[in-house]
Amino acid sequence: TRTWSYGHMDWKYIKNIHKRFGKVKLNSYYNYTMFDYMKYRIFKNIKTIPILNYINYNKEEA
């Protein structure tokens, strides 16, 4: 099984993908920095839930 990429937290990666495939501006996409991640994860004890990891996906059935 392959897992989802963790590039969703890398703003440089997101901008590059958007530059290649995007059609609309990224004004509403929150730029979640490493500092923000540490602040919420460590100091405020807020955890992220990787929702797509809980969905069964079969490439042949898709």
PDB file of N, CA and C in Angstrom:
ATOM      1  N   THR A   1       0.828  -1.191   0.000  1.00  0.00           N
ATOM      2  CA  THR A   1       0.000   0.000   0.000  1.00  0.00           C
ATOM      3  C   THR A   1       0.868   1.249   0.000  1.00  0.00           C
ATOM      4  N   ARG A   2       0.382   2.233  -0.717  1.00  0.00           N
ATOM      5  CA  ARG A   2       1.069   3.514  -0.740  1.00  0.00           C
ATOM      6  C   ARG A   2       0.309   4.485   0.140  1.00  0.00           C
ATOM      7  N   THR A   3       1.040   5.378   0.770  1.00  0.00           N
ATOM      8  CA  THR A   3       0.401   6.374   1.623  1.00  0.00           C
ATOM      9  C   THR A   3       0.356   7.709   0.901  1.00  0.00           C
ATOM     10  N   TRP A   4      -0.462   8.595   1.418  1.00  0.00           N
ATOM     11  CA  TRP A   4      -0.572   9.932   0.855  1.00  0.00           C
ATOM     12  C   TRP A   4       0.701  10.713   1.144  1.00  0.00           C
ATOM     13  N   SER A   5       1.005  11.629   0.285  1.00  0.00           N
ATOM     14  CA  SER A   5       2.163  12.496   0.453  1.00  0.00           C
ATOM     15  C   SER A   5       1.943  13.443   1.626  1.00  0.00           C
ATOM     16  N   TYR A   6       3.007  13.852   2.253  1.00  0.00           N
ATOM     17  CA  TYR A   6       2.906  14.848   3.315  1.00  0.00           C
ATOM     18  C   TYR A   6       3.296  16.227   2.800  1.00  0.00           C
ATOM     19  N   GLY A   7       3.212  16.417   1.490  1.00  0.00           N
ATOM     20  CA  GLY A   7       3.509  17.708   0.889  1.00  0.00           C
ATOM     21  C   GLY A   7       2.453  18.761   1.171  1.00  0.00           C
ATOM     22  N   HIS A   8       1.304  18.348   1.718  1.00  0.00           N
ATOM     23  CA  HIS A   8       0.224  19.301   1.990  1.00  0.00           C
ATOM     24  C   HIS A   8       0.613  20.331   3.043  1.00  0.00           C
ATOM     25  N   MET A   9       1.697  20.115   3.760  1.00  0.00           N
ATOM     26  CA  MET A   9       2.165  21.089   4.748  1.00  0.00           C
ATOM     27  C   MET A   9       3.331  21.919   4.217  1.00  0.00           C
ATOM     28  N   ASP A  10       3.823  21.592   3.038  1.00  0.00           N
ATOM     29  CA  ASP A  10       4.968  22.277   2.453  1.00  0.00           C
ATOM     30  C   ASP A  10       4.472  23.340   1.476  1.00  0.00           C
ATOM     31  N   TRP A  11       4.528  24.611   1.879  1.00  0.00           N
ATOM     32  CA  TRP A  11       3.976  25.703   1.079  1.00  0.00           C
ATOM     33  C   TRP A  11       4.671  25.816  -0.276  1.00  0.00           C
ATOM     34  N   LYS A  12       5.971  25.559  -0.334  1.00  0.00           N
ATOM     35  CA  LYS A  12       6.700  25.607  -1.599  1.00  0.00           C
ATOM     36  C   LYS A  12       6.174  24.525  -2.553  1.00  0.00           C
ATOM     37  N   TYR A  13       5.923  23.351  -2.038  1.00  0.00           N
ATOM     38  CA  TYR A  13       5.370  22.233  -2.814  1.00  0.00           C
ATOM     39  C   TYR A  13       3.964  22.569  -3.314  1.00  0.00           C
ATOM     40  N   ILE A  14       3.143  23.130  -2.445  1.00  0.00           N
ATOM     41  CA  ILE A  14       1.767  23.486  -2.798  1.00  0.00           C
ATOM     42  C   ILE A  14       1.753  24.529  -3.913  1.00  0.00           C
ATOM     43  N   LYS A  15       2.601  25.548  -3.794  1.00  0.00           N
ATOM     44  CA  LYS A  15       2.641  26.589  -4.825  1.00  0.00           C
ATOM     45  C   LYS A  15       3.113  26.023  -6.161  1.00  0.00           C
ATOM     46  N   ASN A  16       4.059  25.093  -6.136  1.00  0.00           N
ATOM     47  CA  ASN A  16       4.555  24.483  -7.363  1.00  0.00           C
ATOM     48  C   ASN A  16       3.459  23.654  -8.041  1.00  0.00           C
ATOM     49  N   ILE A  17       2.742  22.854  -7.280  1.00  0.00           N
ATOM     50  CA  ILE A  17       1.639  22.056  -7.829  1.00  0.00           C
ATOM     51  C   ILE A  17       0.555  22.980  -8.376  1.00  0.00           C
ATOM     52  N   HIS A  18       0.240  24.033  -7.630  1.00  0.00           N
ATOM     53  CA  HIS A  18      -0.789  24.972  -8.080  1.00  0.00           C
ATOM     54  C   HIS A  18      -0.366  25.692  -9.360  1.00  0.00           C
ATOM     55  N   LYS A  19       0.899  26.005  -9.464  1.00  0.00           N
ATOM     56  CA  LYS A  19       1.408  26.671 -10.662  1.00  0.00           C
ATOM     57  C   LYS A  19       1.216  25.783 -11.894  1.00  0.00           C
ATOM     58  N   ARG A  20       1.374  24.472 -11.716  1.00  0.00           N
ATOM     59  CA  ARG A  20       1.244  23.542 -12.839  1.00  0.00           C
ATOM     60  C   ARG A  20      -0.207  23.208 -13.167  1.00  0.00           C
ATOM     61  N   PHE A  21      -1.050  23.047 -12.144  1.00  0.00           N
ATOM     62  CA  PHE A  21      -2.396  22.530 -12.373  1.00  0.00           C
ATOM     63  C   PHE A  21      -3.525  23.444 -11.921  1.00  0.00           C
ATOM     64  N   GLY A  22      -3.232  24.465 -11.142  1.00  0.00           N
ATOM     65  CA  GLY A  22      -4.274  25.300 -10.553  1.00  0.00           C
ATOM     66  C   GLY A  22      -4.947  26.229 -11.540  1.00  0.00           C
ATOM     67  N   LYS A  23      -6.199  26.535 -11.245  1.00  0.00           N
ATOM     68  CA  LYS A  23      -6.984  27.437 -12.094  1.00  0.00           C
ATOM     69  C   LYS A  23      -7.413  28.695 -11.344  1.00  0.00           C
ATOM     70  N   VAL A  24      -7.555  28.620 -10.034  1.00  0.00           N
ATOM     71  CA  VAL A  24      -8.010  29.760  -9.237  1.00  0.00           C
ATOM     72  C   VAL A  24      -6.911  30.163  -8.256  1.00  0.00           C
ATOM     73  N   LYS A  25      -7.036  31.360  -7.683  1.00  0.00           N
ATOM     74  CA  LYS A  25      -6.047  31.847  -6.722  1.00  0.00           C
ATOM     75  C   LYS A  25      -6.132  31.066  -5.411  1.00  0.00           C
ATOM     76  N   LEU A  26      -5.035  31.043  -4.685  1.00  0.00           N
ATOM     77  CA  LEU A  26      -4.964  30.344  -3.404  1.00  0.00           C
ATOM     78  C   LEU A  26      -5.229  31.276  -2.229  1.00  0.00           C
ATOM     79  N   ASN A  27      -6.052  32.273  -2.396  1.00  0.00           N
ATOM     80  CA  ASN A  27      -6.301  33.244  -1.328  1.00  0.00           C
ATOM     81  C   ASN A  27      -6.869  32.611  -0.068  1.00  0.00           C
ATOM     82  N   SER A  28      -7.722  31.612  -0.214  1.00  0.00           N
ATOM     83  CA  SER A  28      -8.378  31.037   0.959  1.00  0.00           C
ATOM     84  C   SER A  28      -7.618  29.841   1.533  1.00  0.00           C
ATOM     85  N   TYR A  29      -6.508  29.455   0.912  1.00  0.00           N
ATOM     86  CA  TYR A  29      -5.743  28.311   1.409  1.00  0.00           C
ATOM     87  C   TYR A  29      -4.796  28.788   2.506  1.00  0.00           C
ATOM     88  N   TYR A  30      -4.959  28.239   3.694  1.00  0.00           N
ATOM     89  CA  TYR A  30      -4.168  28.675   4.838  1.00  0.00           C
ATOM     90  C   TYR A  30      -2.728  28.189   4.726  1.00  0.00           C
ATOM     91  N   ASN A  31      -1.778  29.089   4.865  1.00  0.00           N
ATOM     92  CA  ASN A  31      -0.362  28.750   4.856  1.00  0.00           C
ATOM     93  C   ASN A  31       0.034  28.308   6.257  1.00  0.00           C
ATOM     94  N   TYR A  32       0.061  27.021   6.477  1.00  0.00           N
ATOM     95  CA  TYR A  32       0.321  26.408   7.773  1.00  0.00           C
ATOM     96  C   TYR A  32       1.825  26.212   7.914  1.00  0.00           C
ATOM     97  N   THR A  33       2.495  27.094   8.638  1.00  0.00           N
ATOM     98  CA  THR A  33       3.949  27.043   8.759  1.00  0.00           C
ATOM     99  C   THR A  33       4.375  26.007   9.799  1.00  0.00           C
ATOM    100  N   MET A  34       5.656  25.721   9.819  1.00  0.00           N
ATOM    101  CA  MET A  34       6.184  24.781  10.807  1.00  0.00           C
ATOM    102  C   MET A  34       6.013  25.344  12.215  1.00  0.00           C
ATOM    103  N   PHE A  35       6.143  26.658  12.349  1.00  0.00           N
ATOM    104  CA  PHE A  35       5.920  27.289  13.648  1.00  0.00           C
ATOM    105  C   PHE A  35       4.475  27.087  14.098  1.00  0.00           C
ATOM    106  N   ASP A  36       3.520  27.273  13.170  1.00  0.00           N
ATOM    107  CA  ASP A  36       2.107  27.038  13.491  1.00  0.00           C
ATOM    108  C   ASP A  36       1.885  25.595  13.924  1.00  0.00           C
ATOM    109  N   TYR A  37       2.489  24.664  13.196  1.00  0.00           N
ATOM    110  CA  TYR A  37       2.351  23.244  13.529  1.00  0.00           C
ATOM    111  C   TYR A  37       2.848  22.972  14.947  1.00  0.00           C
ATOM    112  N   MET A  38       4.022  23.483  15.271  1.00  0.00           N
ATOM    113  CA  MET A  38       4.579  23.267  16.610  1.00  0.00           C
ATOM    114  C   MET A  38       3.714  23.935  17.672  1.00  0.00           C
ATOM    115  N   LYS A  39       3.242  25.142  17.380  1.00  0.00           N
ATOM    116  CA  LYS A  39       2.411  25.873  18.335  1.00  0.00           C
ATOM    117  C   LYS A  39       1.145  25.084  18.658  1.00  0.00           C
ATOM    118  N   TYR A  40       0.452  24.614  17.645  1.00  0.00           N
ATOM    119  CA  TYR A  40      -0.798  23.887  17.874  1.00  0.00           C
ATOM    120  C   TYR A  40      -0.567  22.481  18.408  1.00  0.00           C
ATOM    121  N   ARG A  41       0.450  21.814  17.905  1.00  0.00           N
ATOM    122  CA  ARG A  41       0.705  20.423  18.287  1.00  0.00           C
ATOM    123  C   ARG A  41       1.291  20.313  19.698  1.00  0.00           C
ATOM    124  N   ILE A  42       2.273  21.133  20.003  1.00  0.00           N
ATOM    125  CA  ILE A  42       2.990  21.006  21.276  1.00  0.00           C
ATOM    126  C   ILE A  42       2.364  21.854  22.377  1.00  0.00           C
ATOM    127  N   PHE A  43       2.173  23.134  22.099  1.00  0.00           N
ATOM    128  CA  PHE A  43       1.735  24.036  23.158  1.00  0.00           C
ATOM    129  C   PHE A  43       0.237  23.972  23.429  1.00  0.00           C
ATOM    130  N   LYS A  44      -0.560  23.752  22.388  1.00  0.00           N
ATOM    131  CA  LYS A  44      -2.012  23.713  22.581  1.00  0.00           C
ATOM    132  C   LYS A  44      -2.573  22.297  22.526  1.00  0.00           C
ATOM    133  N   ASN A  45      -1.707  21.317  22.280  1.00  0.00           N
ATOM    134  CA  ASN A  45      -2.064  19.896  22.260  1.00  0.00           C
ATOM    135  C   ASN A  45      -3.211  19.595  21.284  1.00  0.00           C
ATOM    136  N   ILE A  46      -3.181  20.233  20.110  1.00  0.00           N
ATOM    137  CA  ILE A  46      -4.175  19.988  19.069  1.00  0.00           C
ATOM    138  C   ILE A  46      -3.551  19.052  18.042  1.00  0.00           C
ATOM    139  N   LYS A  47      -4.240  17.971  17.737  1.00  0.00           N
ATOM    140  CA  LYS A  47      -3.719  16.972  16.811  1.00  0.00           C
ATOM    141  C   LYS A  47      -4.444  17.055  15.478  1.00  0.00           C
ATOM    142  N   THR A  48      -3.720  16.725  14.414  1.00  0.00           N
ATOM    143  CA  THR A  48      -4.335  16.672  13.092  1.00  0.00           C
ATOM    144  C   THR A  48      -4.808  15.250  12.822  1.00  0.00           C
ATOM    145  N   ILE A  49      -5.866  15.139  12.052  1.00  0.00           N
ATOM    146  CA  ILE A  49      -6.412  13.829  11.695  1.00  0.00           C
ATOM    147  C   ILE A  49      -6.305  13.676  10.183  1.00  0.00           C
ATOM    148  N   PRO A  50      -5.488  12.725   9.720  1.00  0.00           N
ATOM    149  CA  PRO A  50      -5.358  12.512   8.272  1.00  0.00           C
ATOM    150  C   PRO A  50      -6.580  11.757   7.743  1.00  0.00           C
ATOM    151  N   ILE A  51      -7.616  12.486   7.385  1.00  0.00           N
ATOM    152  CA  ILE A  51      -8.910  11.901   7.029  1.00  0.00           C
ATOM    153  C   ILE A  51      -8.801  10.911   5.870  1.00  0.00           C
ATOM    154  N   LEU A  52      -8.017  11.229   4.857  1.00  0.00           N
ATOM    155  CA  LEU A  52      -7.930  10.354   3.688  1.00  0.00           C
ATOM    156  C   LEU A  52      -7.294   9.004   4.003  1.00  0.00           C
ATOM    157  N   ASN A  53      -6.563   8.897   5.096  1.00  0.00           N
ATOM    158  CA  ASN A  53      -5.981   7.612   5.485  1.00  0.00           C
ATOM    159  C   ASN A  53      -7.034   6.627   5.982  1.00  0.00           C
ATOM    160  N   TYR A  54      -8.239   7.094   6.257  1.00  0.00           N
ATOM    161  CA  TYR A  54      -9.309   6.233   6.752  1.00  0.00           C
ATOM    162  C   TYR A  54     -10.262   5.784   5.647  1.00  0.00           C
ATOM    163  N   ILE A  55      -9.995   6.180   4.416  1.00  0.00           N
ATOM    164  CA  ILE A  55     -10.850   5.809   3.290  1.00  0.00           C
ATOM    165  C   ILE A  55     -10.185   4.676   2.523  1.00  0.00           C
ATOM    166  N   ASN A  56     -10.944   3.605   2.285  1.00  0.00           N
ATOM    167  CA  ASN A  56     -10.425   2.498   1.487  1.00  0.00           C
ATOM    168  C   ASN A  56     -10.395   2.913   0.022  1.00  0.00           C
ATOM    169  N   TYR A  57      -9.275   2.682  -0.619  1.00  0.00           N
ATOM    170  CA  TYR A  57      -9.119   3.047  -2.020  1.00  0.00           C
ATOM    171  C   TYR A  57      -8.489   1.884  -2.762  1.00  0.00           C
ATOM    172  N   ASN A  58      -9.153   1.458  -3.820  1.00  0.00           N
ATOM    173  CA  ASN A  58      -8.638   0.401  -4.672  1.00  0.00           C
ATOM    174  C   ASN A  58      -8.513   0.971  -6.077  1.00  0.00           C
ATOM    175  N   LYS A  59      -7.309   1.035  -6.594  1.00  0.00           N
ATOM    176  CA  LYS A  59      -7.058   1.663  -7.889  1.00  0.00           C
ATOM    177  C   LYS A  59      -7.835   0.979  -9.014  1.00  0.00           C
ATOM    178  N   GLU A  60      -7.955  -0.348  -8.961  1.00  0.00           N
ATOM    179  CA  GLU A  60      -8.667  -1.076 -10.002  1.00  0.00           C
ATOM    180  C   GLU A  60     -10.162  -0.760  -9.996  1.00  0.00           C
ATOM    181  N   GLU A  61     -10.724  -0.479  -8.830  1.00  0.00           N
ATOM    182  CA  GLU A  61     -12.148  -0.177  -8.727  1.00  0.00           C
ATOM    183  C   GLU A  61     -12.458   1.291  -9.010  1.00  0.00           C
ATOM    184  N   ALA A  62     -11.452   2.135  -8.968  1.00  0.00           N
ATOM    185  CA  ALA A  62     -11.688   3.579  -9.146  1.00  0.00           C
ATOM    186  C   ALA A  62     -12.002   3.936 -10.584  1.00  0.00           C
TER     187      ALA A  62
END
